[in-house]
Amino acid sequence: MSIDTHDMEVVHRGLRRESRLLIELVAAVAPGDTARAAVIADHFRLYRLGLQNHHEGEDELLWPPLLARVDLGTDIVLRMEAQHERVAATLTRLDTEVPNWEATAGADERDALVASLSDHRAVLLEHLDDEETTLLPLAADHLTEAEWASLGGHLVAHTPKLTLLTLFGIVLEDANPSERARLLSGLPTPVRGIWHLIGRPRYARHIRRVRAA
């Protein structure tokens, strides 16, 4: 019996949105506005941590069992690994350009960062589209429910708790009602309560600050 991998597509939806918005938000910062640049730079670091932990979880927990069980799909898994490396290379470049821009909010640094964020998004979208089309069906047929669920455990183990609440908000933002209900139902009852009492308003405040005109 196949497992349900649709939650991954909901996560990807958030990554697609935030990678687009980062380009728009950086481009809109006026030269010299270091206070605004700091807000956007902090949001980039949040996005970067979520994406890094998401990919590291796949590297450690998905690719090895798939490579051990599939034959015709081996090229797909190897392609995913190569795409992860290309995404990581764009993040390494951004790790230099974001603080350079944050320090002065200079126009030249801003324009260079917009170009690098655009390159990053292009590489990321190629990977996400390919993963959803070719890898997720393979994972659905060859992984167990426990192996699939281990991705969530990896993210929780490698993310500060308050940051995790904000990342959860990113994922939920564009989820439809049934997707949101499914994601929330997967949380332990105490954690679900924490999300409603602390996480949801915290995320709303964060997003208002980041997306302020």
N, C-alpha and C. Protein backbone atom coordinates (compact mmCIF):
# COMPACT_ATOMS: atom_id res chain seq x y z
N MET A 1 0.84 -1.20 0.00
CA MET A 1 0.00 0.00 0.00
C MET A 1 0.88 1.25 0.00
N SER A 2 0.55 2.21 -0.84
CA SER A 2 1.33 3.44 -0.93
C SER A 2 1.06 4.35 0.27
N ILE A 3 2.06 5.11 0.65
CA ILE A 3 1.88 6.10 1.70
C ILE A 3 1.47 7.43 1.06
N ASP A 4 0.91 8.31 1.87
CA ASP A 4 0.47 9.62 1.39
C ASP A 4 1.60 10.63 1.56
N THR A 5 2.10 11.15 0.45
CA THR A 5 3.22 12.10 0.50
C THR A 5 2.78 13.53 0.20
N HIS A 6 1.49 13.78 0.23
CA HIS A 6 0.99 15.10 -0.18
C HIS A 6 1.48 16.22 0.72
N ASP A 7 1.74 15.93 1.99
CA ASP A 7 2.21 16.98 2.90
C ASP A 7 3.48 17.65 2.37
N MET A 8 4.31 16.89 1.66
CA MET A 8 5.52 17.46 1.10
C MET A 8 5.19 18.57 0.09
N GLU A 9 4.13 18.38 -0.66
CA GLU A 9 3.74 19.40 -1.63
C GLU A 9 3.27 20.68 -0.93
N VAL A 10 2.67 20.53 0.23
CA VAL A 10 2.25 21.71 1.01
C VAL A 10 3.48 22.46 1.51
N VAL A 11 4.48 21.72 1.98
CA VAL A 11 5.74 22.34 2.40
C VAL A 11 6.37 23.08 1.22
N HIS A 12 6.40 22.44 0.08
CA HIS A 12 7.00 23.04 -1.12
C HIS A 12 6.27 24.33 -1.51
N ARG A 13 4.97 24.36 -1.30
CA ARG A 13 4.19 25.56 -1.63
C ARG A 13 4.70 26.76 -0.83
N GLY A 14 4.99 26.53 0.44
CA GLY A 14 5.54 27.60 1.26
C GLY A 14 6.92 28.03 0.80
N LEU A 15 7.76 27.08 0.40
CA LEU A 15 9.09 27.42 -0.10
C LEU A 15 9.02 28.21 -1.39
N ARG A 16 8.12 27.83 -2.26
CA ARG A 16 7.95 28.57 -3.51
C ARG A 16 7.54 30.02 -3.23
N ARG A 17 6.58 30.18 -2.33
CA ARG A 17 6.08 31.52 -2.03
C ARG A 17 7.17 32.38 -1.39
N GLU A 18 7.84 31.85 -0.39
CA GLU A 18 8.82 32.66 0.32
C GLU A 18 10.04 32.97 -0.54
N SER A 19 10.45 32.06 -1.40
CA SER A 19 11.59 32.36 -2.28
C SER A 19 11.22 33.47 -3.27
N ARG A 20 9.96 33.53 -3.68
CA ARG A 20 9.51 34.63 -4.55
C ARG A 20 9.42 35.94 -3.77
N LEU A 21 8.83 35.89 -2.58
CA LEU A 21 8.65 37.11 -1.80
C LEU A 21 9.98 37.71 -1.36
N LEU A 22 10.97 36.87 -1.08
CA LEU A 22 12.27 37.41 -0.69
C LEU A 22 12.85 38.30 -1.79
N ILE A 23 12.70 37.88 -3.03
CA ILE A 23 13.18 38.70 -4.15
C ILE A 23 12.46 40.04 -4.15
N GLU A 24 11.14 40.00 -4.02
CA GLU A 24 10.34 41.22 -4.06
C GLU A 24 10.63 42.12 -2.87
N LEU A 25 10.79 41.53 -1.70
CA LEU A 25 11.01 42.32 -0.49
C LEU A 25 12.37 43.01 -0.52
N VAL A 26 13.40 42.30 -0.94
CA VAL A 26 14.72 42.91 -1.03
C VAL A 26 14.72 44.02 -2.06
N ALA A 27 14.11 43.78 -3.21
CA ALA A 27 14.10 44.79 -4.28
C ALA A 27 13.41 46.07 -3.84
N ALA A 28 12.47 45.97 -2.90
CA ALA A 28 11.70 47.15 -2.48
C ALA A 28 12.37 47.97 -1.39
N VAL A 29 13.49 47.51 -0.84
CA VAL A 29 14.15 48.24 0.24
C VAL A 29 14.91 49.44 -0.33
N ALA A 30 14.62 50.61 0.22
CA ALA A 30 15.28 51.83 -0.25
C ALA A 30 16.75 51.82 0.15
N PRO A 31 17.63 52.34 -0.71
CA PRO A 31 19.05 52.41 -0.36
C PRO A 31 19.25 53.12 0.97
N GLY A 32 20.05 52.51 1.82
CA GLY A 32 20.37 53.10 3.12
C GLY A 32 19.43 52.72 4.25
N ASP A 33 18.34 52.04 3.95
CA ASP A 33 17.37 51.66 4.99
C ASP A 33 17.83 50.37 5.67
N THR A 34 18.80 50.50 6.54
CA THR A 34 19.39 49.31 7.18
C THR A 34 18.43 48.64 8.15
N ALA A 35 17.51 49.41 8.74
CA ALA A 35 16.54 48.80 9.66
C ALA A 35 15.64 47.83 8.90
N ARG A 36 15.16 48.25 7.74
CA ARG A 36 14.31 47.37 6.93
C ARG A 36 15.12 46.20 6.39
N ALA A 37 16.35 46.45 5.99
CA ALA A 37 17.21 45.38 5.48
C ALA A 37 17.43 44.31 6.55
N ALA A 38 17.56 44.72 7.81
CA ALA A 38 17.78 43.76 8.89
C ALA A 38 16.57 42.85 9.07
N VAL A 39 15.36 43.41 8.92
CA VAL A 39 14.14 42.60 9.05
C VAL A 39 14.10 41.54 7.96
N ILE A 40 14.39 41.93 6.73
CA ILE A 40 14.34 40.99 5.61
C ILE A 40 15.47 39.97 5.72
N ALA A 41 16.63 40.41 6.16
CA ALA A 41 17.76 39.48 6.32
C ALA A 41 17.45 38.42 7.37
N ASP A 42 16.80 38.83 8.46
CA ASP A 42 16.41 37.86 9.49
C ASP A 42 15.41 36.85 8.92
N HIS A 43 14.50 37.33 8.09
CA HIS A 43 13.53 36.42 7.49
C HIS A 43 14.22 35.46 6.53
N PHE A 44 15.20 35.95 5.80
CA PHE A 44 15.96 35.05 4.93
C PHE A 44 16.62 33.95 5.75
N ARG A 45 17.21 34.30 6.89
CA ARG A 45 17.88 33.29 7.70
C ARG A 45 16.89 32.24 8.22
N LEU A 46 15.68 32.67 8.54
CA LEU A 46 14.63 31.73 8.94
C LEU A 46 14.30 30.78 7.78
N TYR A 47 14.07 31.36 6.62
CA TYR A 47 13.79 30.57 5.42
C TYR A 47 14.94 29.61 5.12
N ARG A 48 16.15 30.10 5.24
CA ARG A 48 17.31 29.29 4.93
C ARG A 48 17.42 28.08 5.88
N LEU A 49 17.18 28.32 7.16
CA LEU A 49 17.24 27.23 8.12
C LEU A 49 16.18 26.18 7.82
N GLY A 50 14.97 26.62 7.52
CA GLY A 50 13.92 25.66 7.20
C GLY A 50 14.25 24.84 5.97
N LEU A 51 14.74 25.50 4.92
CA LEU A 51 15.09 24.79 3.69
C LEU A 51 16.26 23.84 3.92
N GLN A 52 17.27 24.30 4.65
CA GLN A 52 18.43 23.45 4.92
C GLN A 52 18.03 22.20 5.69
N ASN A 53 17.24 22.38 6.74
CA ASN A 53 16.84 21.22 7.55
C ASN A 53 15.93 20.28 6.76
N HIS A 54 15.10 20.85 5.91
CA HIS A 54 14.24 20.04 5.05
C HIS A 54 15.08 19.16 4.13
N HIS A 55 16.08 19.73 3.49
CA HIS A 55 16.92 18.98 2.57
C HIS A 55 17.84 18.01 3.29
N GLU A 56 18.37 18.42 4.43
CA GLU A 56 19.25 17.49 5.17
C GLU A 56 18.46 16.28 5.65
N GLY A 57 17.21 16.49 6.03
CA GLY A 57 16.38 15.35 6.42
C GLY A 57 16.20 14.38 5.27
N GLU A 58 15.98 14.89 4.08
CA GLU A 58 15.85 14.03 2.91
C GLU A 58 17.16 13.31 2.62
N ASP A 59 18.27 14.04 2.71
CA ASP A 59 19.58 13.44 2.45
C ASP A 59 19.87 12.28 3.39
N GLU A 60 19.52 12.46 4.66
CA GLU A 60 19.85 11.47 5.67
C GLU A 60 18.83 10.34 5.78
N LEU A 61 17.55 10.66 5.54
CA LEU A 61 16.49 9.70 5.88
C LEU A 61 15.72 9.14 4.70
N LEU A 62 15.73 9.82 3.56
CA LEU A 62 14.98 9.33 2.41
C LEU A 62 15.85 8.67 1.35
N TRP A 63 16.92 9.34 0.97
CA TRP A 63 17.72 8.81 -0.14
C TRP A 63 18.33 7.44 0.17
N PRO A 64 18.91 7.21 1.34
CA PRO A 64 19.52 5.88 1.60
C PRO A 64 18.55 4.71 1.48
N PRO A 65 17.36 4.75 2.13
CA PRO A 65 16.47 3.60 1.97
C PRO A 65 15.95 3.45 0.54
N LEU A 66 15.74 4.56 -0.15
CA LEU A 66 15.26 4.46 -1.53
C LEU A 66 16.33 3.83 -2.42
N LEU A 67 17.57 4.25 -2.26
CA LEU A 67 18.64 3.69 -3.08
C LEU A 67 18.81 2.19 -2.83
N ALA A 68 18.49 1.76 -1.61
CA ALA A 68 18.62 0.34 -1.27
C ALA A 68 17.48 -0.50 -1.83
N ARG A 69 16.38 0.15 -2.23
CA ARG A 69 15.19 -0.61 -2.61
C ARG A 69 14.76 -0.46 -4.06
N VAL A 70 15.25 0.53 -4.74
CA VAL A 70 14.77 0.76 -6.10
C VAL A 70 15.88 0.44 -7.10
N ASP A 71 15.47 0.07 -8.29
CA ASP A 71 16.42 -0.19 -9.37
C ASP A 71 16.25 0.86 -10.47
N LEU A 72 15.09 0.83 -11.11
CA LEU A 72 14.85 1.78 -12.19
C LEU A 72 14.80 3.22 -11.69
N GLY A 73 14.52 3.41 -10.40
CA GLY A 73 14.43 4.77 -9.86
C GLY A 73 15.72 5.32 -9.30
N THR A 74 16.80 4.56 -9.41
CA THR A 74 18.07 5.03 -8.84
C THR A 74 18.50 6.36 -9.44
N ASP A 75 18.32 6.52 -10.73
CA ASP A 75 18.74 7.77 -11.39
C ASP A 75 17.95 8.95 -10.85
N ILE A 76 16.70 8.72 -10.45
CA ILE A 76 15.89 9.80 -9.89
C ILE A 76 16.47 10.26 -8.56
N VAL A 77 16.80 9.31 -7.69
CA VAL A 77 17.34 9.66 -6.38
C VAL A 77 18.68 10.36 -6.53
N LEU A 78 19.52 9.87 -7.41
CA LEU A 78 20.83 10.51 -7.62
C LEU A 78 20.66 11.92 -8.18
N ARG A 79 19.64 12.11 -9.01
CA ARG A 79 19.37 13.45 -9.54
C ARG A 79 18.92 14.38 -8.41
N MET A 80 18.12 13.87 -7.48
CA MET A 80 17.70 14.67 -6.33
C MET A 80 18.92 15.11 -5.51
N GLU A 81 19.85 14.20 -5.30
CA GLU A 81 21.06 14.53 -4.55
C GLU A 81 21.84 15.64 -5.24
N ALA A 82 21.99 15.53 -6.55
CA ALA A 82 22.72 16.55 -7.31
C ALA A 82 22.00 17.89 -7.25
N GLN A 83 20.68 17.87 -7.31
CA GLN A 83 19.93 19.12 -7.21
C GLN A 83 20.07 19.75 -5.84
N HIS A 84 20.10 18.94 -4.80
CA HIS A 84 20.33 19.48 -3.46
C HIS A 84 21.68 20.19 -3.39
N GLU A 85 22.67 19.63 -4.03
CA GLU A 85 24.00 20.26 -4.02
C GLU A 85 23.97 21.60 -4.74
N ARG A 86 23.21 21.69 -5.81
CA ARG A 86 23.12 22.97 -6.53
C ARG A 86 22.36 24.00 -5.72
N VAL A 87 21.29 23.58 -5.04
CA VAL A 87 20.57 24.50 -4.16
C VAL A 87 21.48 24.98 -3.03
N ALA A 88 22.25 24.06 -2.45
CA ALA A 88 23.16 24.42 -1.35
C ALA A 88 24.20 25.42 -1.82
N ALA A 89 24.66 25.29 -3.07
CA ALA A 89 25.65 26.23 -3.60
C ALA A 89 25.07 27.64 -3.70
N THR A 90 23.79 27.75 -4.07
CA THR A 90 23.17 29.08 -4.13
C THR A 90 23.01 29.66 -2.73
N LEU A 91 22.75 28.82 -1.74
CA LEU A 91 22.63 29.31 -0.37
C LEU A 91 23.97 29.79 0.17
N THR A 92 25.04 29.09 -0.19
CA THR A 92 26.38 29.51 0.23
C THR A 92 26.70 30.90 -0.32
N ARG A 93 26.33 31.13 -1.57
CA ARG A 93 26.53 32.46 -2.16
C ARG A 93 25.70 33.50 -1.42
N LEU A 94 24.48 33.16 -1.08
CA LEU A 94 23.62 34.10 -0.36
C LEU A 94 24.12 34.37 1.06
N ASP A 95 24.80 33.41 1.64
CA ASP A 95 25.35 33.60 2.99
C ASP A 95 26.36 34.74 3.03
N THR A 96 26.96 35.04 1.90
CA THR A 96 27.87 36.18 1.80
C THR A 96 27.13 37.45 1.42
N GLU A 97 26.22 37.34 0.47
CA GLU A 97 25.58 38.53 -0.08
C GLU A 97 24.54 39.14 0.86
N VAL A 98 23.84 38.31 1.63
CA VAL A 98 22.83 38.86 2.55
C VAL A 98 23.48 39.77 3.60
N PRO A 99 24.52 39.33 4.32
CA PRO A 99 25.11 40.26 5.30
C PRO A 99 25.78 41.47 4.66
N ASN A 100 26.33 41.32 3.45
CA ASN A 100 26.91 42.47 2.76
C ASN A 100 25.86 43.55 2.53
N TRP A 101 24.68 43.12 2.10
CA TRP A 101 23.59 44.08 1.87
C TRP A 101 23.02 44.59 3.19
N GLU A 102 22.87 43.71 4.15
CA GLU A 102 22.29 44.09 5.44
C GLU A 102 23.10 45.20 6.11
N ALA A 103 24.40 45.16 5.95
CA ALA A 103 25.27 46.11 6.65
C ALA A 103 25.05 47.55 6.21
N THR A 104 24.78 47.76 4.92
CA THR A 104 24.68 49.13 4.41
C THR A 104 23.37 49.41 3.67
N ALA A 105 22.66 48.37 3.28
CA ALA A 105 21.48 48.50 2.43
C ALA A 105 21.80 49.29 1.16
N GLY A 106 23.01 49.09 0.66
CA GLY A 106 23.42 49.80 -0.55
C GLY A 106 22.67 49.32 -1.78
N ALA A 107 22.51 50.21 -2.75
CA ALA A 107 21.77 49.86 -3.97
C ALA A 107 22.49 48.77 -4.76
N ASP A 108 23.81 48.87 -4.88
CA ASP A 108 24.55 47.86 -5.64
C ASP A 108 24.46 46.49 -4.96
N GLU A 109 24.60 46.48 -3.63
CA GLU A 109 24.48 45.22 -2.89
C GLU A 109 23.07 44.65 -2.99
N ARG A 110 22.08 45.53 -2.96
CA ARG A 110 20.69 45.09 -3.11
C ARG A 110 20.47 44.43 -4.47
N ASP A 111 20.94 45.07 -5.52
CA ASP A 111 20.72 44.54 -6.87
C ASP A 111 21.45 43.21 -7.06
N ALA A 112 22.66 43.10 -6.48
CA ALA A 112 23.40 41.83 -6.57
C ALA A 112 22.65 40.74 -5.82
N LEU A 113 22.08 41.10 -4.67
CA LEU A 113 21.35 40.11 -3.88
C LEU A 113 20.06 39.67 -4.59
N VAL A 114 19.37 40.60 -5.21
CA VAL A 114 18.17 40.23 -5.97
C VAL A 114 18.51 39.23 -7.07
N ALA A 115 19.63 39.47 -7.75
CA ALA A 115 20.05 38.54 -8.80
C ALA A 115 20.37 37.17 -8.23
N SER A 116 21.03 37.13 -7.09
CA SER A 116 21.39 35.84 -6.48
C SER A 116 20.16 35.12 -5.95
N LEU A 117 19.22 35.87 -5.38
CA LEU A 117 17.97 35.25 -4.93
C LEU A 117 17.18 34.70 -6.11
N SER A 118 17.22 35.38 -7.23
CA SER A 118 16.53 34.90 -8.43
C SER A 118 17.18 33.62 -8.94
N ASP A 119 18.50 33.57 -8.92
CA ASP A 119 19.21 32.35 -9.32
C ASP A 119 18.85 31.20 -8.38
N HIS A 120 18.83 31.50 -7.08
CA HIS A 120 18.48 30.48 -6.09
C HIS A 120 17.08 29.94 -6.35
N ARG A 121 16.15 30.83 -6.60
CA ARG A 121 14.76 30.38 -6.80
C ARG A 121 14.63 29.53 -8.06
N ALA A 122 15.35 29.88 -9.10
CA ALA A 122 15.27 29.09 -10.34
C ALA A 122 15.75 27.67 -10.10
N VAL A 123 16.87 27.53 -9.39
CA VAL A 123 17.41 26.20 -9.08
C VAL A 123 16.47 25.44 -8.16
N LEU A 124 15.93 26.14 -7.17
CA LEU A 124 15.02 25.51 -6.22
C LEU A 124 13.75 25.01 -6.91
N LEU A 125 13.15 25.84 -7.75
CA LEU A 125 11.91 25.45 -8.42
C LEU A 125 12.12 24.26 -9.34
N GLU A 126 13.25 24.22 -10.02
CA GLU A 126 13.55 23.07 -10.86
C GLU A 126 13.55 21.79 -10.01
N HIS A 127 14.16 21.88 -8.84
CA HIS A 127 14.23 20.73 -7.95
C HIS A 127 12.85 20.35 -7.41
N LEU A 128 12.10 21.33 -6.90
CA LEU A 128 10.79 21.02 -6.31
C LEU A 128 9.84 20.42 -7.34
N ASP A 129 9.85 20.98 -8.53
CA ASP A 129 8.97 20.45 -9.58
C ASP A 129 9.34 19.01 -9.92
N ASP A 130 10.62 18.76 -10.06
CA ASP A 130 11.10 17.42 -10.40
C ASP A 130 10.81 16.44 -9.27
N GLU A 131 11.01 16.88 -8.04
CA GLU A 131 10.78 16.01 -6.90
C GLU A 131 9.31 15.60 -6.81
N GLU A 132 8.43 16.54 -7.02
CA GLU A 132 7.00 16.22 -6.93
C GLU A 132 6.55 15.29 -8.06
N THR A 133 7.14 15.48 -9.24
CA THR A 133 6.73 14.68 -10.40
C THR A 133 7.31 13.26 -10.37
N THR A 134 8.57 13.13 -9.97
CA THR A 134 9.25 11.84 -10.11
C THR A 134 9.60 11.15 -8.80
N LEU A 135 9.98 11.93 -7.78
CA LEU A 135 10.47 11.32 -6.55
C LEU A 135 9.34 10.94 -5.59
N LEU A 136 8.35 11.80 -5.45
CA LEU A 136 7.28 11.51 -4.49
C LEU A 136 6.52 10.22 -4.82
N PRO A 137 6.21 9.94 -6.09
CA PRO A 137 5.57 8.65 -6.38
C PRO A 137 6.46 7.47 -6.01
N LEU A 138 7.78 7.63 -6.19
CA LEU A 138 8.72 6.57 -5.81
C LEU A 138 8.73 6.38 -4.30
N ALA A 139 8.76 7.50 -3.58
CA ALA A 139 8.75 7.42 -2.11
C ALA A 139 7.45 6.79 -1.61
N ALA A 140 6.34 7.14 -2.25
CA ALA A 140 5.05 6.60 -1.82
C ALA A 140 5.01 5.08 -1.92
N ASP A 141 5.69 4.53 -2.90
CA ASP A 141 5.65 3.08 -3.13
C ASP A 141 6.71 2.30 -2.37
N HIS A 142 7.78 2.98 -1.92
CA HIS A 142 8.92 2.23 -1.37
C HIS A 142 9.30 2.59 0.06
N LEU A 143 8.66 3.59 0.65
CA LEU A 143 8.96 3.95 2.04
C LEU A 143 7.81 3.54 2.95
N THR A 144 8.13 3.33 4.22
CA THR A 144 7.09 3.04 5.20
C THR A 144 6.57 4.35 5.79
N GLU A 145 5.43 4.27 6.45
CA GLU A 145 4.87 5.44 7.12
C GLU A 145 5.86 5.99 8.15
N ALA A 146 6.52 5.09 8.88
CA ALA A 146 7.47 5.53 9.91
C ALA A 146 8.66 6.25 9.29
N GLU A 147 9.14 5.74 8.17
CA GLU A 147 10.27 6.39 7.51
C GLU A 147 9.87 7.77 7.00
N TRP A 148 8.69 7.87 6.45
CA TRP A 148 8.23 9.17 5.97
C TRP A 148 8.05 10.15 7.13
N ALA A 149 7.48 9.67 8.22
CA ALA A 149 7.26 10.52 9.39
C ALA A 149 8.56 10.98 10.03
N SER A 150 9.64 10.25 9.80
CA SER A 150 10.93 10.62 10.41
C SER A 150 11.42 11.98 9.91
N LEU A 151 10.94 12.42 8.75
CA LEU A 151 11.33 13.75 8.26
C LEU A 151 10.88 14.84 9.23
N GLY A 152 9.65 14.71 9.72
CA GLY A 152 9.16 15.68 10.69
C GLY A 152 9.96 15.65 11.97
N GLY A 153 10.33 14.45 12.41
CA GLY A 153 11.15 14.33 13.62
C GLY A 153 12.51 14.98 13.46
N HIS A 154 13.09 14.85 12.28
CA HIS A 154 14.39 15.48 12.01
C HIS A 154 14.28 16.99 12.09
N LEU A 155 13.23 17.55 11.50
CA LEU A 155 13.06 19.00 11.54
C LEU A 155 12.90 19.49 12.97
N VAL A 156 12.09 18.79 13.76
CA VAL A 156 11.87 19.18 15.14
C VAL A 156 13.17 19.13 15.94
N ALA A 157 13.97 18.09 15.70
CA ALA A 157 15.21 17.90 16.46
C ALA A 157 16.27 18.94 16.12
N HIS A 158 16.19 19.55 14.95
CA HIS A 158 17.26 20.44 14.50
C HIS A 158 16.82 21.90 14.38
N THR A 159 15.66 22.23 14.95
CA THR A 159 15.14 23.59 14.84
C THR A 159 14.75 24.10 16.22
N PRO A 160 15.19 25.31 16.59
CA PRO A 160 14.73 25.90 17.86
C PRO A 160 13.21 25.95 17.90
N LYS A 161 12.63 25.74 19.07
CA LYS A 161 11.19 25.54 19.18
C LYS A 161 10.38 26.74 18.69
N LEU A 162 10.77 27.95 19.05
CA LEU A 162 10.01 29.11 18.59
C LEU A 162 10.16 29.29 17.08
N THR A 163 11.33 29.01 16.56
CA THR A 163 11.53 29.06 15.12
C THR A 163 10.67 28.04 14.42
N LEU A 164 10.53 26.88 15.04
CA LEU A 164 9.70 25.82 14.47
C LEU A 164 8.25 26.28 14.32
N LEU A 165 7.75 27.03 15.29
CA LEU A 165 6.39 27.55 15.20
C LEU A 165 6.23 28.47 14.00
N THR A 166 7.23 29.32 13.76
CA THR A 166 7.16 30.23 12.63
C THR A 166 7.24 29.47 11.31
N LEU A 167 8.09 28.47 11.24
CA LEU A 167 8.18 27.66 10.03
C LEU A 167 6.87 26.91 9.78
N PHE A 168 6.22 26.48 10.84
CA PHE A 168 4.94 25.81 10.69
C PHE A 168 3.90 26.78 10.11
N GLY A 169 3.98 28.03 10.53
CA GLY A 169 3.10 29.04 9.97
C GLY A 169 3.33 29.26 8.49
N ILE A 170 4.58 29.22 8.07
CA ILE A 170 4.90 29.35 6.65
C ILE A 170 4.24 28.23 5.86
N VAL A 171 4.29 27.02 6.39
CA VAL A 171 3.70 25.87 5.70
C VAL A 171 2.18 25.99 5.67
N LEU A 172 1.58 26.41 6.77
CA LEU A 172 0.12 26.45 6.85
C LEU A 172 -0.50 27.60 6.05
N GLU A 173 0.27 28.63 5.76
CA GLU A 173 -0.32 29.85 5.21
C GLU A 173 -1.15 29.61 3.95
N ASP A 174 -0.65 28.85 3.02
CA ASP A 174 -1.37 28.60 1.77
C ASP A 174 -2.01 27.22 1.72
N ALA A 175 -2.06 26.54 2.85
CA ALA A 175 -2.74 25.24 2.89
C ALA A 175 -4.24 25.44 2.82
N ASN A 176 -4.93 24.55 2.11
CA ASN A 176 -6.38 24.64 2.09
C ASN A 176 -6.93 24.04 3.40
N PRO A 177 -8.22 24.18 3.68
CA PRO A 177 -8.74 23.71 4.96
C PRO A 177 -8.46 22.24 5.27
N SER A 178 -8.58 21.37 4.27
CA SER A 178 -8.34 19.95 4.54
C SER A 178 -6.86 19.68 4.80
N GLU A 179 -5.99 20.37 4.07
CA GLU A 179 -4.55 20.22 4.30
C GLU A 179 -4.17 20.74 5.68
N ARG A 180 -4.74 21.88 6.05
CA ARG A 180 -4.45 22.45 7.36
C ARG A 180 -4.92 21.52 8.47
N ALA A 181 -6.10 20.97 8.32
CA ALA A 181 -6.62 20.05 9.33
C ALA A 181 -5.74 18.82 9.45
N ARG A 182 -5.27 18.31 8.33
CA ARG A 182 -4.41 17.12 8.35
C ARG A 182 -3.08 17.42 9.05
N LEU A 183 -2.47 18.55 8.72
CA LEU A 183 -1.19 18.91 9.33
C LEU A 183 -1.35 19.13 10.84
N LEU A 184 -2.41 19.80 11.24
CA LEU A 184 -2.64 20.05 12.66
C LEU A 184 -2.95 18.76 13.41
N SER A 185 -3.67 17.86 12.77
CA SER A 185 -4.03 16.61 13.43
C SER A 185 -2.81 15.73 13.68
N GLY A 186 -1.75 15.97 12.94
CA GLY A 186 -0.53 15.19 13.13
C GLY A 186 0.30 15.65 14.31
N LEU A 187 -0.07 16.77 14.92
CA LEU A 187 0.66 17.28 16.08
C LEU A 187 0.10 16.66 17.36
N PRO A 188 0.96 16.41 18.35
CA PRO A 188 0.44 16.01 19.66
C PRO A 188 -0.50 17.09 20.20
N THR A 189 -1.48 16.69 20.98
CA THR A 189 -2.48 17.65 21.47
C THR A 189 -1.85 18.85 22.17
N PRO A 190 -0.86 18.68 23.06
CA PRO A 190 -0.26 19.86 23.71
C PRO A 190 0.40 20.80 22.71
N VAL A 191 1.06 20.23 21.69
CA VAL A 191 1.72 21.06 20.69
C VAL A 191 0.69 21.82 19.86
N ARG A 192 -0.41 21.15 19.55
CA ARG A 192 -1.48 21.81 18.81
C ARG A 192 -2.02 23.01 19.62
N GLY A 193 -2.14 22.83 20.92
CA GLY A 193 -2.57 23.94 21.76
C GLY A 193 -1.57 25.08 21.77
N ILE A 194 -0.27 24.74 21.80
CA ILE A 194 0.77 25.77 21.76
C ILE A 194 0.71 26.54 20.45
N TRP A 195 0.45 25.82 19.36
CA TRP A 195 0.34 26.51 18.07
C TRP A 195 -0.79 27.55 18.10
N HIS A 196 -1.95 27.16 18.59
CA HIS A 196 -3.09 28.08 18.59
C HIS A 196 -2.87 29.25 19.54
N LEU A 197 -2.27 28.99 20.70
CA LEU A 197 -2.12 30.04 21.71
C LEU A 197 -0.91 30.93 21.46
N ILE A 198 0.17 30.35 20.98
CA ILE A 198 1.43 31.09 20.84
C ILE A 198 1.88 31.19 19.39
N GLY A 199 1.89 30.05 18.70
CA GLY A 199 2.48 30.00 17.36
C GLY A 199 1.74 30.84 16.34
N ARG A 200 0.42 30.72 16.30
CA ARG A 200 -0.35 31.43 15.27
C ARG A 200 -0.23 32.94 15.42
N PRO A 201 -0.44 33.52 16.62
CA PRO A 201 -0.26 34.97 16.74
C PRO A 201 1.19 35.40 16.54
N ARG A 202 2.13 34.55 16.95
CA ARG A 202 3.54 34.89 16.74
C ARG A 202 3.84 34.96 15.24
N TYR A 203 3.32 34.01 14.49
CA TYR A 203 3.55 34.01 13.06
C TYR A 203 2.90 35.24 12.41
N ALA A 204 1.69 35.57 12.83
CA ALA A 204 1.00 36.73 12.27
C ALA A 204 1.81 38.01 12.49
N ARG A 205 2.38 38.16 13.69
CA ARG A 205 3.20 39.35 13.97
C ARG A 205 4.45 39.36 13.11
N HIS A 206 5.07 38.20 12.97
CA HIS A 206 6.29 38.11 12.17
C HIS A 206 6.01 38.49 10.72
N ILE A 207 4.95 37.98 10.15
CA ILE A 207 4.64 38.23 8.74
C ILE A 207 4.24 39.68 8.51
N ARG A 208 3.50 40.27 9.44
CA ARG A 208 3.15 41.70 9.30
C ARG A 208 4.42 42.54 9.25
N ARG A 209 5.37 42.19 10.09
CA ARG A 209 6.62 42.95 10.13
C ARG A 209 7.42 42.76 8.85
N VAL A 210 7.51 41.52 8.38
CA VAL A 210 8.31 41.23 7.20
C VAL A 210 7.70 41.83 5.94
N ARG A 211 6.39 41.74 5.82
CA ARG A 211 5.73 42.16 4.57
C ARG A 211 5.17 43.58 4.62
N ALA A 212 5.54 44.32 5.64
CA ALA A 212 5.07 45.71 5.74
C ALA A 212 5.51 46.50 4.52
N ALA A 213 4.63 47.34 4.05
CA ALA A 213 4.96 48.15 2.88
C ALA A 213 6.00 49.21 3.24
